[in-house]
Amino acid sequence: SASPGLAEAARGALDGNASTELLDEGLVGFEFELERPVWADGLSFVTGSGEASVVRDPVAFSLEASPDGSRAWLPLARATALEVPRERGMETEVVRFNVGRTTYPLGVPTGHDVGRYHLCWASRVDGSFAVEAGSLLLKGLTGIQDQWCFAGTSCELGPVAGLGLSPADRVLAVAHFEP
Protein backbone atom coordinates (compact mmCIF):
# COMPACT_ATOMS: atom_id res chain seq x y z
CA SER A 1 0.00 0.00 0.00
CA ALA A 2 1.18 3.53 -0.73
CA SER A 3 2.38 5.83 2.01
CA PRO A 4 -0.07 8.52 3.25
CA GLY A 5 2.25 11.20 1.81
CA LEU A 6 2.15 9.59 -1.62
CA ALA A 7 -1.64 9.30 -1.49
CA GLU A 8 -1.88 13.03 -0.69
CA ALA A 9 0.54 13.87 -3.52
CA ALA A 10 -1.52 11.70 -5.89
CA ARG A 11 -4.62 13.79 -5.20
CA GLY A 12 -2.59 16.94 -5.96
CA ALA A 13 -1.32 15.44 -9.21
CA LEU A 14 -4.87 15.61 -10.57
CA ASP A 15 -5.19 19.36 -10.03
CA GLY A 16 -4.97 20.28 -13.73
CA ASN A 17 -1.69 22.12 -13.13
CA ALA A 18 1.05 20.78 -15.43
CA SER A 19 3.79 21.87 -13.00
CA THR A 20 2.50 19.64 -10.16
CA GLU A 21 4.76 16.57 -9.96
CA LEU A 22 4.31 13.15 -8.39
CA LEU A 23 7.15 10.73 -7.70
CA ASP A 24 6.38 7.16 -6.62
CA GLU A 25 9.92 6.23 -5.53
CA GLY A 26 8.84 2.88 -4.08
CA LEU A 27 7.00 1.92 -7.28
CA VAL A 28 4.08 0.67 -5.18
CA GLY A 29 1.39 2.65 -6.96
CA PHE A 30 -1.18 4.81 -5.27
CA GLU A 31 -4.90 5.26 -4.90
CA PHE A 32 -7.05 8.29 -4.33
CA GLU A 33 -10.71 9.13 -4.02
CA LEU A 34 -12.22 11.85 -6.16
CA GLU A 35 -14.44 14.42 -4.44
CA ARG A 36 -17.18 13.94 -7.05
CA PRO A 37 -17.82 11.64 -10.01
CA VAL A 38 -15.80 12.52 -13.09
CA TRP A 39 -16.39 11.24 -16.63
CA ALA A 40 -13.10 10.32 -18.28
CA ASP A 41 -12.32 8.43 -21.47
CA GLY A 42 -8.55 8.80 -21.56
CA LEU A 43 -5.42 9.50 -19.55
CA SER A 44 -2.20 11.33 -20.28
CA PHE A 45 0.46 12.97 -18.17
CA VAL A 46 3.04 15.74 -18.50
CA THR A 47 6.72 14.83 -18.34
CA GLY A 48 8.56 15.94 -15.22
CA SER A 49 10.92 18.88 -14.95
CA GLY A 50 14.70 18.53 -14.98
CA GLU A 51 16.89 16.02 -16.79
CA ALA A 52 16.80 13.56 -13.85
CA SER A 53 13.07 13.08 -14.40
CA VAL A 54 13.63 11.55 -17.86
CA VAL A 55 14.35 8.15 -16.31
CA ARG A 56 11.46 8.52 -13.84
CA ASP A 57 8.66 9.23 -16.37
CA PRO A 58 6.41 6.17 -16.54
CA VAL A 59 6.51 4.11 -19.72
CA ALA A 60 3.90 1.63 -18.47
CA PHE A 61 0.94 1.85 -16.13
CA SER A 62 -2.43 0.37 -15.35
CA LEU A 63 -5.50 2.31 -14.25
CA GLU A 64 -8.30 0.73 -12.24
CA ALA A 65 -11.48 2.11 -10.72
CA SER A 66 -13.87 1.12 -7.98
CA PRO A 67 -17.12 2.74 -9.14
CA ASP A 68 -19.14 1.77 -6.07
CA GLY A 69 -16.43 2.58 -3.51
CA SER A 70 -15.87 -1.07 -2.63
CA ARG A 71 -12.50 -2.75 -2.89
CA ALA A 72 -13.57 -4.42 -6.15
CA TRP A 73 -11.35 -2.88 -8.83
CA LEU A 74 -12.24 -2.77 -12.52
CA PRO A 75 -9.46 -2.37 -15.11
CA LEU A 76 -9.87 0.79 -17.22
CA ALA A 77 -6.59 1.18 -19.09
CA ARG A 78 -3.22 -0.46 -19.44
CA ALA A 79 -0.22 0.99 -21.25
CA THR A 80 2.83 -1.21 -21.65
CA ALA A 81 5.01 0.78 -24.06
CA LEU A 82 3.99 4.42 -23.70
CA GLU A 83 5.79 6.81 -26.06
CA VAL A 84 7.05 9.46 -23.63
CA PRO A 85 8.46 12.71 -25.05
CA ARG A 86 12.07 13.38 -24.06
CA GLU A 87 11.31 17.10 -23.82
CA ARG A 88 10.42 18.25 -20.32
CA GLY A 89 6.93 19.59 -19.56
CA MET A 90 5.37 17.90 -22.61
CA GLU A 91 2.10 15.94 -22.59
CA THR A 92 2.20 12.26 -23.52
CA GLU A 93 -0.13 10.60 -25.97
CA VAL A 94 -3.63 10.02 -24.59
CA VAL A 95 -4.32 6.42 -23.60
CA ARG A 96 -8.02 5.91 -24.35
CA PHE A 97 -10.30 3.63 -22.40
CA ASN A 98 -13.93 2.66 -22.63
CA VAL A 99 -16.06 2.38 -19.52
CA GLY A 100 -19.14 0.66 -20.86
CA ARG A 101 -19.92 3.44 -23.31
CA THR A 102 -19.87 3.06 -27.06
CA THR A 103 -19.92 6.05 -29.38
CA TYR A 104 -21.83 5.99 -32.64
CA PRO A 105 -21.48 8.83 -35.17
CA LEU A 106 -25.05 9.96 -35.91
CA GLY A 107 -24.29 13.17 -37.79
CA VAL A 108 -26.43 16.25 -37.22
CA PRO A 109 -30.04 15.15 -36.66
CA THR A 110 -32.71 17.21 -38.45
CA GLY A 111 -36.31 16.88 -39.54
CA HIS A 112 -37.98 13.56 -38.86
CA ASP A 113 -34.76 12.11 -37.38
CA VAL A 114 -35.20 13.88 -34.02
CA GLY A 115 -37.33 12.28 -31.31
CA ARG A 116 -37.40 9.30 -28.96
CA TYR A 117 -36.24 5.87 -30.12
CA HIS A 118 -36.24 2.43 -28.50
CA LEU A 119 -32.81 0.87 -27.96
CA CYS A 120 -32.89 -2.87 -28.52
CA TRP A 121 -30.23 -5.48 -27.87
CA ALA A 122 -29.39 -8.44 -30.10
CA SER A 123 -27.44 -11.46 -29.00
CA ARG A 124 -24.63 -12.68 -31.20
CA VAL A 125 -26.34 -16.04 -31.37
CA ASP A 126 -29.50 -15.21 -33.33
CA GLY A 127 -28.96 -11.54 -34.24
CA SER A 128 -32.57 -10.51 -33.63
CA PHE A 129 -33.15 -7.30 -31.67
CA ALA A 130 -35.64 -8.89 -29.28
CA VAL A 131 -34.71 -7.27 -25.96
CA GLU A 132 -35.58 -3.64 -25.21
CA ALA A 133 -32.54 -2.12 -23.52
CA GLY A 134 -33.63 1.50 -23.04
CA SER A 135 -34.48 4.59 -24.98
CA LEU A 136 -32.62 7.29 -26.87
CA LEU A 137 -33.73 10.90 -27.10
CA LEU A 138 -32.20 12.35 -30.27
CA LYS A 139 -32.17 16.13 -29.97
CA GLY A 140 -31.81 18.59 -32.84
CA LEU A 141 -33.56 20.82 -35.35
CA THR A 142 -36.97 19.86 -36.73
CA GLY A 143 -36.33 20.35 -40.43
CA ILE A 144 -34.94 23.11 -42.61
CA GLN A 145 -36.04 26.52 -41.37
CA ASP A 146 -35.66 29.47 -43.70
CA GLN A 147 -34.79 32.81 -42.14
CA TRP A 148 -34.62 36.10 -44.02
CA CYS A 149 -32.36 39.06 -43.50
CA PHE A 150 -31.30 41.93 -45.76
CA ALA A 151 -27.72 43.19 -46.15
CA GLY A 152 -26.99 46.43 -44.39
CA THR A 153 -29.82 46.01 -41.86
CA SER A 154 -30.03 44.79 -38.31
CA CYS A 155 -31.10 41.15 -38.28
CA GLU A 156 -32.92 39.05 -35.68
CA LEU A 157 -33.16 35.31 -36.38
CA GLY A 158 -35.54 32.87 -34.83
CA PRO A 159 -37.29 31.27 -33.34
CA VAL A 160 -35.61 28.04 -34.42
CA ALA A 161 -37.76 24.95 -33.82
CA GLY A 162 -36.35 21.70 -32.54
CA LEU A 163 -36.25 19.17 -29.75
CA GLY A 164 -33.97 19.72 -26.77
CA LEU A 165 -32.50 22.99 -28.00
CA SER A 166 -30.68 25.23 -25.54
CA PRO A 167 -30.09 28.99 -25.30
CA ALA A 168 -26.39 28.08 -25.50
CA ASP A 169 -26.85 26.62 -29.02
CA ARG A 170 -25.44 28.73 -31.85
CA VAL A 171 -26.44 29.63 -35.42
CA LEU A 172 -23.88 30.42 -38.13
CA ALA A 173 -24.58 32.00 -41.52
CA VAL A 174 -22.53 30.45 -44.33
CA ALA A 175 -22.50 31.23 -48.06
CA HIS A 176 -22.75 27.56 -49.16
CA PHE A 177 -23.42 24.37 -47.22
CA GLU A 178 -22.70 20.79 -48.25
CA PRO A 179 -23.52 18.06 -45.74
C-alpha atoms as a PDB file:
ATOM      1  CA  SER A   1       0.000   0.000   0.000  1.00  0.00           C
ATOM      2  CA  ALA A   2       1.181   3.534  -0.734  1.00  0.00           C
ATOM      3  CA  SER A   3       2.376   5.831   2.014  1.00  0.00           C
ATOM      4  CA  PRO A   4      -0.068   8.518   3.249  1.00  0.00           C
ATOM      5  CA  GLY A   5       2.254  11.201   1.814  1.00  0.00           C
ATOM      6  CA  LEU A   6       2.147   9.590  -1.619  1.00  0.00           C
ATOM      7  CA  ALA A   7      -1.639   9.304  -1.493  1.00  0.00           C
ATOM      8  CA  GLU A   8      -1.881  13.034  -0.687  1.00  0.00           C
ATOM      9  CA  ALA A   9       0.538  13.870  -3.521  1.00  0.00           C
ATOM     10  CA  ALA A  10      -1.521  11.705  -5.886  1.00  0.00           C
ATOM     11  CA  ARG A  11      -4.621  13.793  -5.196  1.00  0.00           C
ATOM     12  CA  GLY A  12      -2.592  16.936  -5.957  1.00  0.00           C
ATOM     13  CA  ALA A  13      -1.319  15.444  -9.209  1.00  0.00           C
ATOM     14  CA  LEU A  14      -4.869  15.609 -10.567  1.00  0.00           C
ATOM     15  CA  ASP A  15      -5.185  19.358 -10.028  1.00  0.00           C
ATOM     16  CA  GLY A  16      -4.966  20.280 -13.735  1.00  0.00           C
ATOM     17  CA  ASN A  17      -1.686  22.116 -13.129  1.00  0.00           C
ATOM     18  CA  ALA A  18       1.051  20.784 -15.431  1.00  0.00           C
ATOM     19  CA  SER A  19       3.786  21.875 -13.004  1.00  0.00           C
ATOM     20  CA  THR A  20       2.503  19.642 -10.158  1.00  0.00           C
ATOM     21  CA  GLU A  21       4.761  16.575  -9.962  1.00  0.00           C
ATOM     22  CA  LEU A  22       4.309  13.149  -8.392  1.00  0.00           C
ATOM     23  CA  LEU A  23       7.151  10.733  -7.702  1.00  0.00           C
ATOM     24  CA  ASP A  24       6.381   7.158  -6.621  1.00  0.00           C
ATOM     25  CA  GLU A  25       9.920   6.225  -5.526  1.00  0.00           C
ATOM     26  CA  GLY A  26       8.845   2.879  -4.082  1.00  0.00           C
ATOM     27  CA  LEU A  27       6.997   1.925  -7.281  1.00  0.00           C
ATOM     28  CA  VAL A  28       4.083   0.674  -5.178  1.00  0.00           C
ATOM     29  CA  GLY A  29       1.386   2.650  -6.962  1.00  0.00           C
ATOM     30  CA  PHE A  30      -1.182   4.808  -5.273  1.00  0.00           C
ATOM     31  CA  GLU A  31      -4.898   5.260  -4.902  1.00  0.00           C
ATOM     32  CA  PHE A  32      -7.046   8.292  -4.335  1.00  0.00           C
ATOM     33  CA  GLU A  33     -10.706   9.127  -4.017  1.00  0.00           C
ATOM     34  CA  LEU A  34     -12.221  11.854  -6.157  1.00  0.00           C
ATOM     35  CA  GLU A  35     -14.443  14.418  -4.443  1.00  0.00           C
ATOM     36  CA  ARG A  36     -17.181  13.939  -7.047  1.00  0.00           C
ATOM     37  CA  PRO A  37     -17.823  11.636 -10.009  1.00  0.00           C
ATOM     38  CA  VAL A  38     -15.799  12.522 -13.093  1.00  0.00           C
ATOM     39  CA  TRP A  39     -16.386  11.243 -16.629  1.00  0.00           C
ATOM     40  CA  ALA A  40     -13.104  10.316 -18.279  1.00  0.00           C
ATOM     41  CA  ASP A  41     -12.316   8.432 -21.469  1.00  0.00           C
ATOM     42  CA  GLY A  42      -8.552   8.799 -21.556  1.00  0.00           C
ATOM     43  CA  LEU A  43      -5.420   9.505 -19.549  1.00  0.00           C
ATOM     44  CA  SER A  44      -2.204  11.335 -20.285  1.00  0.00           C
ATOM     45  CA  PHE A  45       0.463  12.967 -18.168  1.00  0.00           C
ATOM     46  CA  VAL A  46       3.042  15.735 -18.499  1.00  0.00           C
ATOM     47  CA  THR A  47       6.724  14.830 -18.344  1.00  0.00           C
ATOM     48  CA  GLY A  48       8.564  15.935 -15.215  1.00  0.00           C
ATOM     49  CA  SER A  49      10.921  18.885 -14.949  1.00  0.00           C
ATOM     50  CA  GLY A  50      14.698  18.528 -14.985  1.00  0.00           C
ATOM     51  CA  GLU A  51      16.886  16.021 -16.786  1.00  0.00           C
ATOM     52  CA  ALA A  52      16.796  13.562 -13.849  1.00  0.00           C
ATOM     53  CA  SER A  53      13.069  13.076 -14.396  1.00  0.00           C
ATOM     54  CA  VAL A  54      13.632  11.549 -17.864  1.00  0.00           C
ATOM     55  CA  VAL A  55      14.351   8.150 -16.307  1.00  0.00           C
ATOM     56  CA  ARG A  56      11.459   8.524 -13.844  1.00  0.00           C
ATOM     57  CA  ASP A  57       8.662   9.230 -16.366  1.00  0.00           C
ATOM     58  CA  PRO A  58       6.406   6.168 -16.538  1.00  0.00           C
ATOM     59  CA  VAL A  59       6.505   4.108 -19.722  1.00  0.00           C
ATOM     60  CA  ALA A  60       3.903   1.628 -18.465  1.00  0.00           C
ATOM     61  CA  PHE A  61       0.940   1.854 -16.133  1.00  0.00           C
ATOM     62  CA  SER A  62      -2.433   0.372 -15.352  1.00  0.00           C
ATOM     63  CA  LEU A  63      -5.499   2.314 -14.255  1.00  0.00           C
ATOM     64  CA  GLU A  64      -8.296   0.730 -12.241  1.00  0.00           C
ATOM     65  CA  ALA A  65     -11.484   2.108 -10.718  1.00  0.00           C
ATOM     66  CA  SER A  66     -13.873   1.115  -7.977  1.00  0.00           C
ATOM     67  CA  PRO A  67     -17.117   2.738  -9.139  1.00  0.00           C
ATOM     68  CA  ASP A  68     -19.140   1.773  -6.070  1.00  0.00           C
ATOM     69  CA  GLY A  69     -16.431   2.579  -3.510  1.00  0.00           C
ATOM     70  CA  SER A  70     -15.869  -1.071  -2.634  1.00  0.00           C
ATOM     71  CA  ARG A  71     -12.496  -2.752  -2.888  1.00  0.00           C
ATOM     72  CA  ALA A  72     -13.574  -4.418  -6.153  1.00  0.00           C
ATOM     73  CA  TRP A  73     -11.347  -2.883  -8.830  1.00  0.00           C
ATOM     74  CA  LEU A  74     -12.242  -2.767 -12.524  1.00  0.00           C
ATOM     75  CA  PRO A  75      -9.458  -2.374 -15.111  1.00  0.00           C
ATOM     76  CA  LEU A  76      -9.865   0.790 -17.216  1.00  0.00           C
ATOM     77  CA  ALA A  77      -6.592   1.177 -19.092  1.00  0.00           C
ATOM     78  CA  ARG A  78      -3.217  -0.460 -19.444  1.00  0.00           C
ATOM     79  CA  ALA A  79      -0.223   0.995 -21.245  1.00  0.00           C
ATOM     80  CA  THR A  80       2.829  -1.214 -21.647  1.00  0.00           C
ATOM     81  CA  ALA A  81       5.008   0.781 -24.063  1.00  0.00           C
ATOM     82  CA  LEU A  82       3.988   4.419 -23.702  1.00  0.00           C
ATOM     83  CA  GLU A  83       5.789   6.806 -26.058  1.00  0.00           C
ATOM     84  CA  VAL A  84       7.052   9.455 -23.635  1.00  0.00           C
ATOM     85  CA  PRO A  85       8.456  12.709 -25.053  1.00  0.00           C
ATOM     86  CA  ARG A  86      12.073  13.385 -24.058  1.00  0.00           C
ATOM     87  CA  GLU A  87      11.312  17.096 -23.819  1.00  0.00           C
ATOM     88  CA  ARG A  88      10.423  18.246 -20.318  1.00  0.00           C
ATOM     89  CA  GLY A  89       6.934  19.594 -19.556  1.00  0.00           C
ATOM     90  CA  MET A  90       5.369  17.903 -22.614  1.00  0.00           C
ATOM     91  CA  GLU A  91       2.101  15.942 -22.593  1.00  0.00           C
ATOM     92  CA  THR A  92       2.201  12.263 -23.516  1.00  0.00           C
ATOM     93  CA  GLU A  93      -0.134  10.603 -25.973  1.00  0.00           C
ATOM     94  CA  VAL A  94      -3.630  10.019 -24.587  1.00  0.00           C
ATOM     95  CA  VAL A  95      -4.317   6.420 -23.596  1.00  0.00           C
ATOM     96  CA  ARG A  96      -8.021   5.911 -24.350  1.00  0.00           C
ATOM     97  CA  PHE A  97     -10.299   3.632 -22.404  1.00  0.00           C
ATOM     98  CA  ASN A  98     -13.926   2.657 -22.634  1.00  0.00           C
ATOM     99  CA  VAL A  99     -16.055   2.382 -19.520  1.00  0.00           C
ATOM    100  CA  GLY A 100     -19.143   0.664 -20.857  1.00  0.00           C
ATOM    101  CA  ARG A 101     -19.919   3.439 -23.312  1.00  0.00           C
ATOM    102  CA  THR A 102     -19.869   3.060 -27.065  1.00  0.00           C
ATOM    103  CA  THR A 103     -19.920   6.052 -29.382  1.00  0.00           C
ATOM    104  CA  TYR A 104     -21.830   5.988 -32.638  1.00  0.00           C
ATOM    105  CA  PRO A 105     -21.481   8.834 -35.168  1.00  0.00           C
ATOM    106  CA  LEU A 106     -25.054   9.962 -35.914  1.00  0.00           C
ATOM    107  CA  GLY A 107     -24.287  13.170 -37.791  1.00  0.00           C
ATOM    108  CA  VAL A 108     -26.432  16.252 -37.223  1.00  0.00           C
ATOM    109  CA  PRO A 109     -30.041  15.151 -36.663  1.00  0.00           C
ATOM    110  CA  THR A 110     -32.706  17.210 -38.447  1.00  0.00           C
ATOM    111  CA  GLY A 111     -36.311  16.880 -39.538  1.00  0.00           C
ATOM    112  CA  HIS A 112     -37.977  13.563 -38.862  1.00  0.00           C
ATOM    113  CA  ASP A 113     -34.763  12.112 -37.382  1.00  0.00           C
ATOM    114  CA  VAL A 114     -35.204  13.876 -34.018  1.00  0.00           C
ATOM    115  CA  GLY A 115     -37.329  12.279 -31.313  1.00  0.00           C
ATOM    116  CA  ARG A 116     -37.397   9.299 -28.961  1.00  0.00           C
ATOM    117  CA  TYR A 117     -36.240   5.870 -30.117  1.00  0.00           C
ATOM    118  CA  HIS A 118     -36.237   2.434 -28.500  1.00  0.00           C
ATOM    119  CA  LEU A 119     -32.814   0.872 -27.958  1.00  0.00           C
ATOM    120  CA  CYS A 120     -32.890  -2.872 -28.517  1.00  0.00           C
ATOM    121  CA  TRP A 121     -30.231  -5.482 -27.868  1.00  0.00           C
ATOM    122  CA  ALA A 122     -29.393  -8.436 -30.099  1.00  0.00           C
ATOM    123  CA  SER A 123     -27.438 -11.461 -28.995  1.00  0.00           C
ATOM    124  CA  ARG A 124     -24.628 -12.684 -31.201  1.00  0.00           C
ATOM    125  CA  VAL A 125     -26.342 -16.042 -31.373  1.00  0.00           C
ATOM    126  CA  ASP A 126     -29.497 -15.215 -33.328  1.00  0.00           C
ATOM    127  CA  GLY A 127     -28.964 -11.541 -34.235  1.00  0.00           C
ATOM    128  CA  SER A 128     -32.574 -10.514 -33.634  1.00  0.00           C
ATOM    129  CA  PHE A 129     -33.152  -7.304 -31.667  1.00  0.00           C
ATOM    130  CA  ALA A 130     -35.638  -8.886 -29.284  1.00  0.00           C
ATOM    131  CA  VAL A 131     -34.712  -7.270 -25.956  1.00  0.00           C
ATOM    132  CA  GLU A 132     -35.582  -3.639 -25.215  1.00  0.00           C
ATOM    133  CA  ALA A 133     -32.542  -2.118 -23.524  1.00  0.00           C
ATOM    134  CA  GLY A 134     -33.634   1.500 -23.035  1.00  0.00           C
ATOM    135  CA  SER A 135     -34.483   4.589 -24.978  1.00  0.00           C
ATOM    136  CA  LEU A 136     -32.615   7.287 -26.868  1.00  0.00           C
ATOM    137  CA  LEU A 137     -33.733  10.899 -27.096  1.00  0.00           C
ATOM    138  CA  LEU A 138     -32.203  12.346 -30.267  1.00  0.00           C
ATOM    139  CA  LYS A 139     -32.172  16.131 -29.967  1.00  0.00           C
ATOM    140  CA  GLY A 140     -31.807  18.592 -32.837  1.00  0.00           C
ATOM    141  CA  LEU A 141     -33.563  20.818 -35.353  1.00  0.00           C
ATOM    142  CA  THR A 142     -36.970  19.862 -36.731  1.00  0.00           C
ATOM    143  CA  GLY A 143     -36.330  20.349 -40.434  1.00  0.00           C
ATOM    144  CA  ILE A 144     -34.943  23.115 -42.610  1.00  0.00           C
ATOM    145  CA  GLN A 145     -36.039  26.516 -41.370  1.00  0.00           C
ATOM    146  CA  ASP A 146     -35.661  29.472 -43.701  1.00  0.00           C
ATOM    147  CA  GLN A 147     -34.787  32.805 -42.140  1.00  0.00           C
ATOM    148  CA  TRP A 148     -34.619  36.105 -44.019  1.00  0.00           C
ATOM    149  CA  CYS A 149     -32.356  39.058 -43.498  1.00  0.00           C
ATOM    150  CA  PHE A 150     -31.298  41.927 -45.755  1.00  0.00           C
ATOM    151  CA  ALA A 151     -27.719  43.190 -46.155  1.00  0.00           C
ATOM    152  CA  GLY A 152     -26.993  46.432 -44.387  1.00  0.00           C
ATOM    153  CA  THR A 153     -29.820  46.011 -41.865  1.00  0.00           C
ATOM    154  CA  SER A 154     -30.030  44.786 -38.310  1.00  0.00           C
ATOM    155  CA  CYS A 155     -31.105  41.147 -38.275  1.00  0.00           C
ATOM    156  CA  GLU A 156     -32.916  39.053 -35.675  1.00  0.00           C
ATOM    157  CA  LEU A 157     -33.155  35.314 -36.382  1.00  0.00           C
ATOM    158  CA  GLY A 158     -35.543  32.872 -34.829  1.00  0.00           C
ATOM    159  CA  PRO A 159     -37.288  31.272 -33.341  1.00  0.00           C
ATOM    160  CA  VAL A 160     -35.614  28.041 -34.416  1.00  0.00           C
ATOM    161  CA  ALA A 161     -37.756  24.953 -33.822  1.00  0.00           C
ATOM    162  CA  GLY A 162     -36.352  21.704 -32.540  1.00  0.00           C
ATOM    163  CA  LEU A 163     -36.246  19.169 -29.749  1.00  0.00           C
ATOM    164  CA  GLY A 164     -33.966  19.718 -26.766  1.00  0.00           C
ATOM    165  CA  LEU A 165     -32.496  22.986 -28.004  1.00  0.00           C
ATOM    166  CA  SER A 166     -30.680  25.227 -25.544  1.00  0.00           C
ATOM    167  CA  PRO A 167     -30.094  28.992 -25.297  1.00  0.00           C
ATOM    168  CA  ALA A 168     -26.388  28.078 -25.497  1.00  0.00           C
ATOM    169  CA  ASP A 169     -26.850  26.622 -29.019  1.00  0.00           C
ATOM    170  CA  ARG A 170     -25.441  28.727 -31.845  1.00  0.00           C
ATOM    171  CA  VAL A 171     -26.438  29.630 -35.416  1.00  0.00           C
ATOM    172  CA  LEU A 172     -23.879  30.424 -38.131  1.00  0.00           C
ATOM    173  CA  ALA A 173     -24.578  31.995 -41.520  1.00  0.00           C
ATOM    174  CA  VAL A 174     -22.530  30.449 -44.327  1.00  0.00           C
ATOM    175  CA  ALA A 175     -22.504  31.229 -48.063  1.00  0.00           C
ATOM    176  CA  HIS A 176     -22.748  27.564 -49.158  1.00  0.00           C
ATOM    177  CA  PHE A 177     -23.425  24.372 -47.221  1.00  0.00           C
ATOM    178  CA  GLU A 178     -22.702  20.792 -48.250  1.00  0.00           C
ATOM    179  CA  PRO A 179     -23.523  18.058 -45.745  1.00  0.00           C
END
